[in-house]
Amino acid sequence: MKYMSCTEAADKSGISARRVQKLCEGERIPGVSKSGSMWLIPKNVEKPIDGRTKREGAG
């Protein structure tokens, strides 16, 4: 499996690297693992749904 860094995931998703780190810490991105102080994020992972906003159709 190929991995990317938080910075690469942030660029791919259009969010900040710090937000990606927080999503990893909160186990919101499937398949992540930590090697030392670096998060390893699978290259094929989708951007998780942002739980801070309302989803369309939810009510």
C-alpha atoms as a PDB file:
ATOM      1  CA  MET A   1       0.000   0.000   0.000  1.00  0.00           C
ATOM      2  CA  LYS A   2       1.255   3.475  -0.847  1.00  0.00           C
ATOM      3  CA  TYR A   3       1.055   6.300   1.665  1.00  0.00           C
ATOM      4  CA  MET A   4       1.193  10.094   1.674  1.00  0.00           C
ATOM      5  CA  SER A   5       2.030  12.672   4.311  1.00  0.00           C
ATOM      6  CA  CYS A   6      -0.367  15.103   6.000  1.00  0.00           C
ATOM      7  CA  THR A   7       0.891  17.882   3.736  1.00  0.00           C
ATOM      8  CA  GLU A   8       0.186  15.846   0.594  1.00  0.00           C
ATOM      9  CA  ALA A   9      -3.269  14.875   1.883  1.00  0.00           C
ATOM     10  CA  ALA A  10      -3.996  18.531   2.703  1.00  0.00           C
ATOM     11  CA  ASP A  11      -3.065  19.652  -0.806  1.00  0.00           C
ATOM     12  CA  LYS A  12      -5.184  16.869  -2.314  1.00  0.00           C
ATOM     13  CA  SER A  13      -8.213  17.683  -0.131  1.00  0.00           C
ATOM     14  CA  GLY A  14      -7.972  21.478  -0.083  1.00  0.00           C
ATOM     15  CA  ILE A  15      -7.719  21.715   3.721  1.00  0.00           C
ATOM     16  CA  SER A  16      -4.867  22.583   6.079  1.00  0.00           C
ATOM     17  CA  ALA A  17      -2.233  20.066   7.139  1.00  0.00           C
ATOM     18  CA  ARG A  18      -3.197  20.718  10.781  1.00  0.00           C
ATOM     19  CA  ARG A  19      -6.817  19.767  10.018  1.00  0.00           C
ATOM     20  CA  VAL A  20      -5.593  16.527   8.420  1.00  0.00           C
ATOM     21  CA  GLN A  21      -3.567  15.793  11.571  1.00  0.00           C
ATOM     22  CA  LYS A  22      -6.637  16.367  13.749  1.00  0.00           C
ATOM     23  CA  LEU A  23      -8.714  14.061  11.524  1.00  0.00           C
ATOM     24  CA  CYS A  24      -6.018  11.389  11.906  1.00  0.00           C
ATOM     25  CA  GLU A  25      -5.946  11.834  15.690  1.00  0.00           C
ATOM     26  CA  GLY A  26      -9.737  11.533  15.810  1.00  0.00           C
ATOM     27  CA  GLU A  27      -9.635   8.346  13.702  1.00  0.00           C
ATOM     28  CA  ARG A  28     -11.799  10.015  11.043  1.00  0.00           C
ATOM     29  CA  ILE A  29      -9.581   8.842   8.148  1.00  0.00           C
ATOM     30  CA  PRO A  30      -9.667   5.068   7.590  1.00  0.00           C
ATOM     31  CA  GLY A  31      -6.398   3.158   7.303  1.00  0.00           C
ATOM     32  CA  VAL A  32      -4.071   5.754   8.844  1.00  0.00           C
ATOM     33  CA  SER A  33      -1.143   4.709  10.959  1.00  0.00           C
ATOM     34  CA  LYS A  34       1.533   6.598  12.813  1.00  0.00           C
ATOM     35  CA  SER A  35       5.258   6.062  12.385  1.00  0.00           C
ATOM     36  CA  GLY A  36       7.110   8.021  15.036  1.00  0.00           C
ATOM     37  CA  SER A  37       5.643  11.516  14.816  1.00  0.00           C
ATOM     38  CA  MET A  38       4.458  11.191  11.194  1.00  0.00           C
ATOM     39  CA  TRP A  39       0.978  10.131  10.096  1.00  0.00           C
ATOM     40  CA  LEU A  40       0.870   7.726   7.143  1.00  0.00           C
ATOM     41  CA  ILE A  41      -2.297   8.204   5.106  1.00  0.00           C
ATOM     42  CA  PRO A  42      -3.283   5.759   2.332  1.00  0.00           C
ATOM     43  CA  LYS A  43      -3.057   7.430  -1.102  1.00  0.00           C
ATOM     44  CA  ASN A  44      -6.454   6.088  -2.185  1.00  0.00           C
ATOM     45  CA  VAL A  45      -8.412   7.461   0.801  1.00  0.00           C
ATOM     46  CA  GLU A  46     -11.351   9.822   0.248  1.00  0.00           C
ATOM     47  CA  LYS A  47     -11.691  13.127   2.107  1.00  0.00           C
ATOM     48  CA  PRO A  48     -13.857  12.457   5.183  1.00  0.00           C
ATOM     49  CA  ILE A  49     -17.162  14.240   5.643  1.00  0.00           C
ATOM     50  CA  ASP A  50     -16.703  17.341   7.760  1.00  0.00           C
ATOM     51  CA  GLY A  51     -18.757  16.746  10.908  1.00  0.00           C
ATOM     52  CA  ARG A  52     -18.755  20.468  11.706  1.00  0.00           C
ATOM     53  CA  THR A  53     -21.260  21.263   8.951  1.00  0.00           C
ATOM     54  CA  LYS A  54     -24.785  20.089   8.244  1.00  0.00           C
ATOM     55  CA  ARG A  55     -25.135  17.464   5.565  1.00  0.00           C
ATOM     56  CA  GLU A  56     -27.689  18.008   2.856  1.00  0.00           C
ATOM     57  CA  GLY A  57     -30.943  16.267   3.687  1.00  0.00           C
ATOM     58  CA  ALA A  58     -30.120  15.888   7.382  1.00  0.00           C
ATOM     59  CA  GLY A  59     -32.594  17.450   9.673  1.00  0.00           C
END
